[in-house]
Protein backbone atom coordinates (compact mmCIF):
# COMPACT_ATOMS: atom_id res chain seq x y z
CA MET A 1 -15.47 -31.92 -32.03
CA ALA A 2 -17.70 -34.96 -32.24
CA ARG A 3 -16.58 -36.06 -28.77
CA ARG A 4 -17.75 -32.85 -27.10
CA ALA A 5 -20.56 -33.46 -24.64
CA ALA A 6 -22.56 -30.56 -26.07
CA PHE A 7 -23.28 -32.62 -29.17
CA ASN A 8 -24.35 -35.73 -27.25
CA GLU A 9 -24.56 -38.49 -29.84
CA GLN A 10 -26.19 -36.39 -32.54
CA LEU A 11 -22.90 -35.57 -34.24
CA THR A 12 -20.37 -38.25 -35.09
CA VAL A 13 -17.00 -38.30 -36.80
CA ARG A 14 -18.68 -39.79 -39.86
CA HIS A 15 -21.11 -36.87 -39.99
CA LEU A 16 -18.22 -34.40 -39.96
CA GLN A 17 -16.31 -36.36 -42.59
CA ALA A 18 -19.36 -36.37 -44.87
CA LEU A 19 -19.83 -32.61 -44.45
CA ALA A 20 -16.13 -32.05 -45.16
CA ARG A 21 -16.12 -34.18 -48.31
CA HIS A 22 -19.10 -32.31 -49.74
CA GLY A 23 -17.75 -28.85 -48.94
CA ARG A 24 -20.41 -28.18 -46.31
CA LEU A 25 -17.96 -27.48 -43.49
CA ILE A 26 -16.05 -24.30 -42.62
CA LEU A 27 -13.56 -24.32 -39.73
CA LEU A 28 -12.73 -21.08 -37.91
CA MET A 29 -9.43 -21.26 -36.04
CA ASP A 30 -8.98 -18.21 -33.84
CA GLY A 31 -5.81 -17.20 -32.01
CA TRP A 32 -2.98 -18.45 -34.23
CA ASN A 33 -0.76 -15.85 -32.55
CA GLU A 34 -1.55 -17.36 -29.15
CA LEU A 35 0.10 -20.68 -29.99
CA SER A 36 3.69 -21.21 -28.96
CA SER A 37 6.32 -21.26 -31.69
CA ALA A 38 6.67 -25.02 -31.27
CA ALA A 39 2.90 -25.52 -31.53
CA ARG A 40 2.72 -23.41 -34.69
CA SER A 41 5.52 -25.46 -36.25
CA ARG A 42 3.60 -28.67 -35.57
CA THR A 43 0.27 -27.26 -36.72
CA ARG A 44 1.38 -26.02 -40.15
CA PRO A 45 1.97 -29.48 -41.69
CA ALA A 46 -1.17 -30.75 -39.96
CA LEU A 47 -3.21 -28.03 -41.67
CA GLU A 48 -1.66 -28.84 -45.04
CA GLY A 49 -2.42 -32.51 -44.53
CA PHE A 50 -6.01 -31.72 -43.59
CA ARG A 51 -6.42 -29.62 -46.74
CA ARG A 52 -5.09 -32.46 -48.89
CA ASP A 53 -7.54 -34.90 -47.30
CA TYR A 54 -10.50 -32.50 -47.45
CA PRO A 55 -9.86 -29.95 -50.23
CA ASN A 56 -13.44 -28.68 -50.15
CA VAL A 57 -13.37 -27.57 -46.53
CA GLY A 58 -13.11 -23.83 -45.87
CA LEU A 59 -10.41 -22.84 -43.37
CA VAL A 60 -10.50 -19.40 -41.75
CA LEU A 61 -7.50 -18.65 -39.55
CA ALA A 62 -7.46 -15.52 -37.39
CA THR A 63 -4.28 -14.00 -35.99
CA ARG A 64 -2.77 -10.74 -34.87
CA SER A 65 -0.40 -9.13 -37.33
CA GLU A 66 2.72 -9.48 -35.18
CA VAL A 67 2.80 -13.23 -35.84
CA PRO A 68 3.22 -14.28 -39.49
CA ARG A 69 0.34 -16.31 -40.83
CA PRO A 70 1.13 -19.88 -41.96
CA ALA A 71 2.21 -20.05 -45.59
CA LEU A 72 -0.56 -22.34 -46.79
CA SER A 73 -1.00 -23.06 -50.47
CA ARG A 74 -4.06 -21.61 -52.24
CA SER A 75 -4.66 -19.09 -49.44
CA PHE A 76 -5.05 -15.34 -49.20
CA SER A 77 -5.11 -12.74 -46.42
CA LEU A 78 -7.74 -10.24 -45.35
CA ARG A 79 -7.22 -7.43 -42.87
CA LEU A 80 -10.14 -6.51 -40.63
CA ASP A 81 -10.63 -2.76 -40.21
CA ARG A 82 -11.99 -1.12 -37.10
CA LEU A 83 -15.73 -0.72 -36.76
CA THR A 84 -17.33 2.30 -38.33
CA SER A 85 -19.60 4.40 -36.14
CA GLN A 86 -22.60 2.96 -38.01
CA GLN A 87 -21.46 -0.63 -37.44
CA ARG A 88 -20.83 0.07 -33.77
CA ALA A 89 -24.26 1.64 -33.37
CA ALA A 90 -25.89 -1.38 -35.01
CA ILE A 91 -24.14 -3.75 -32.59
CA ILE A 92 -25.15 -1.66 -29.60
CA GLN A 93 -28.75 -1.47 -30.85
CA HIS A 94 -28.86 -5.24 -31.31
CA ARG A 95 -27.51 -5.89 -27.82
CA LEU A 96 -29.25 -3.19 -25.79
CA GLY A 97 -32.44 -2.35 -27.65
CA GLU A 98 -34.09 0.71 -26.07
CA GLU A 99 -30.98 1.45 -23.97
CA ALA A 100 -28.75 1.75 -27.03
CA GLU A 101 -29.34 5.46 -27.68
CA SER A 102 -28.12 6.48 -24.23
CA LEU A 103 -24.88 4.52 -24.57
CA CYS A 104 -24.24 5.85 -28.09
CA GLU A 105 -24.60 9.39 -26.76
CA ARG A 106 -22.13 8.72 -23.95
CA ILE A 107 -19.63 7.34 -26.43
CA ALA A 108 -20.08 10.36 -28.71
CA ARG A 109 -19.25 12.71 -25.83
CA SER A 110 -15.89 11.00 -25.18
CA SER A 111 -13.18 11.02 -27.84
CA ASN A 112 -11.34 8.24 -25.98
CA LEU A 113 -14.38 5.95 -25.85
CA ASP A 114 -15.19 6.76 -29.46
CA GLU A 115 -11.71 5.65 -30.50
CA ILE A 116 -11.25 2.47 -28.47
CA THR A 117 -14.79 1.09 -28.93
CA ARG A 118 -14.20 0.81 -32.66
CA ILE A 119 -12.27 -2.33 -31.67
CA PRO A 120 -14.80 -5.16 -31.04
CA LEU A 121 -12.96 -6.48 -27.96
CA TYR A 122 -13.31 -3.18 -26.11
CA LEU A 123 -16.85 -2.61 -27.33
CA GLN A 124 -17.75 -6.01 -25.90
CA ALA A 125 -16.21 -5.01 -22.56
CA LEU A 126 -18.14 -1.73 -22.57
CA LEU A 127 -21.42 -3.50 -23.28
CA LYS A 128 -20.89 -5.58 -20.14
CA ILE A 129 -20.68 -2.49 -17.93
CA HIS A 130 -22.78 0.04 -19.87
CA ALA A 131 -25.09 0.71 -16.90
CA GLU A 132 -22.28 2.01 -14.70
CA GLU A 133 -22.51 5.70 -13.76
CA GLU A 134 -18.91 6.36 -14.80
CA LEU A 135 -17.42 4.46 -17.73
CA PRO A 136 -13.68 3.78 -18.05
CA GLU A 137 -12.08 5.64 -20.94
CA THR A 138 -8.93 3.60 -21.43
CA ARG A 139 -8.29 0.13 -22.83
CA GLU A 140 -6.92 -1.01 -19.49
CA GLY A 141 -9.86 0.43 -17.58
CA LEU A 142 -12.41 -1.26 -19.83
CA LEU A 143 -10.68 -4.63 -19.59
CA ARG A 144 -10.35 -4.27 -15.80
CA ALA A 145 -14.06 -3.54 -15.52
CA PHE A 146 -14.83 -6.48 -17.82
CA VAL A 147 -12.73 -8.77 -15.61
CA ASN A 148 -14.48 -7.48 -12.49
CA VAL A 149 -17.88 -8.32 -13.98
CA HIS A 150 -16.64 -11.80 -14.92
CA GLU A 151 -15.21 -12.45 -11.45
CA ALA A 152 -18.41 -11.28 -9.77
CA ARG A 153 -20.58 -13.88 -11.47
CA PRO A 154 -21.75 -16.24 -8.69
CA GLU A 155 -20.52 -19.43 -10.36
CA HIS A 156 -17.01 -17.95 -10.65
CA HIS A 157 -16.79 -15.89 -7.47
CA ALA A 158 -17.60 -18.80 -5.18
CA ARG A 159 -15.15 -21.22 -6.78
CA LEU A 160 -12.30 -18.69 -6.89
CA ARG A 161 -12.72 -18.09 -3.16
CA GLU A 162 -13.18 -21.75 -2.27
CA GLU A 163 -10.38 -23.18 -4.42
CA LEU A 164 -7.86 -20.32 -4.42
CA PHE A 165 -8.93 -18.51 -1.22
CA GLY A 166 -9.48 -15.28 -3.14
CA CYS A 167 -5.81 -15.16 -4.11
CA HIS A 168 -6.43 -15.67 -7.83
CA ALA A 169 -5.29 -12.14 -8.67
CA SER A 170 -1.82 -12.89 -7.29
CA TYR A 171 -1.42 -15.86 -9.64
CA LEU A 172 -2.77 -13.95 -12.62
CA ARG A 173 -0.50 -10.95 -11.99
CA GLU A 174 2.55 -13.21 -11.89
CA LEU A 175 1.61 -14.96 -15.13
CA ALA A 176 0.83 -11.63 -16.81
CA ALA A 177 4.16 -10.14 -15.70
CA ILE A 178 6.06 -13.04 -17.27
CA LEU A 179 4.15 -12.70 -20.53
CA VAL A 180 4.85 -8.97 -20.66
CA ARG A 181 8.56 -9.49 -20.00
CA GLU A 182 8.75 -12.09 -22.75
CA GLY A 183 6.63 -10.05 -25.14
CA SER A 184 4.39 -13.07 -25.71
CA THR A 185 0.73 -14.07 -25.40
CA ALA A 186 1.48 -17.71 -24.53
CA LEU A 187 3.46 -19.48 -21.82
CA SER A 188 4.62 -23.07 -21.66
CA GLU A 189 2.95 -25.31 -19.11
CA THR A 190 6.28 -25.87 -17.36
CA GLU A 191 6.87 -22.13 -16.96
CA ALA A 192 3.29 -21.58 -15.82
CA ARG A 193 3.49 -24.26 -13.13
CA ARG A 194 6.81 -22.85 -11.92
CA ALA A 195 5.32 -19.36 -11.69
CA VAL A 196 2.27 -20.61 -9.81
CA ALA A 197 4.46 -22.57 -7.38
CA ASN A 198 6.51 -19.44 -6.67
CA VAL A 199 3.37 -17.42 -5.93
CA SER A 200 1.99 -20.15 -3.66
CA ARG A 201 5.24 -20.22 -1.71
CA ARG A 202 5.13 -16.45 -1.20
CA LEU A 203 1.48 -16.58 -0.14
CA ARG A 204 2.23 -19.31 2.40
CA GLU A 205 5.23 -17.42 3.79
CA ASP A 206 3.06 -14.31 4.09
CA GLY A 207 0.43 -16.25 6.01
CA GLN A 208 -2.24 -15.94 3.31
CA ILE A 209 -2.62 -19.71 2.78
CA ALA A 210 -1.81 -22.64 5.06
CA ALA A 211 -0.77 -25.14 2.39
CA GLU A 212 0.47 -24.77 -1.15
CA PRO A 213 -1.94 -26.15 -3.77
CA GLN A 214 -0.77 -28.19 -6.72
CA PRO A 215 0.25 -25.79 -9.53
CA GLN A 216 -1.73 -27.69 -12.17
CA ALA A 217 -4.85 -27.53 -10.01
CA VAL A 218 -4.48 -23.75 -9.73
CA LEU A 219 -4.13 -23.39 -13.50
CA GLU A 220 -7.22 -25.53 -14.10
CA VAL A 221 -9.32 -23.43 -11.69
CA LEU A 222 -8.18 -20.23 -13.41
CA ALA A 223 -9.04 -21.73 -16.79
CA ALA A 224 -12.47 -22.88 -15.64
CA HIS A 225 -13.48 -19.76 -13.70
CA HIS A 226 -11.40 -16.91 -15.04
CA LEU A 227 -10.05 -15.81 -18.43
CA LEU A 228 -7.00 -18.06 -18.64
CA LEU A 229 -6.81 -20.40 -21.64
CA LEU A 230 -5.18 -23.83 -21.31
CA TYR A 231 -4.21 -25.72 -24.42
CA GLY A 232 -5.22 -29.36 -24.33
CA THR A 233 -2.04 -30.51 -26.08
CA GLY A 234 0.24 -29.60 -23.20
CA ASP A 235 1.64 -26.60 -25.05
CA GLY A 236 0.81 -24.15 -22.31
CA LEU A 237 -1.57 -21.29 -21.66
CA SER A 238 -2.59 -17.84 -22.81
């Protein structure tokens, strides 16, 4: 954390250690379920060791229910419920101000939107596209619209076309298909590179690209300018 450029030199390892010793530090670790099985096995003892070294630090670990949480000592579990209509309205009001009432009315008229926007992920997607004349009413439609908005941002659109020649969707579809087949949210780096290489070969044979890019370079562009997550430890992607 202290090495991140965003902190410049204002935050050092010693600063973090002092905060941890005095119980002034809380770490939020999101996406436990997105780690590979091997990564989770390595992380469990590391978390226990960290808690022994810094017993006053608060650790909050978020995961989906299909992956068991790590059995850490002196820990407990909380389940997050869906948003109530009042909570959802408050979020919309905070984000949209005067435009909030119109969106709340549109949600109220659609039982599908009312149901799926009680999940924060889909509410966030809807807030990105709330000005559209017709709003998607399925989870898939909302996420697709969210992705379209993300891709259209100038800093992403230009790089995806320049680096991947606008073929990024082909790579993402292949990676997604593998994850669906395996029933997983994470893929090893070796598998990901192999999948990307296969797509590049098909694109070249189909005349869509003249030369096959390095698989790792493709993954890094998708991570920087799309919604792919690369793990820095070499454990893969999500």
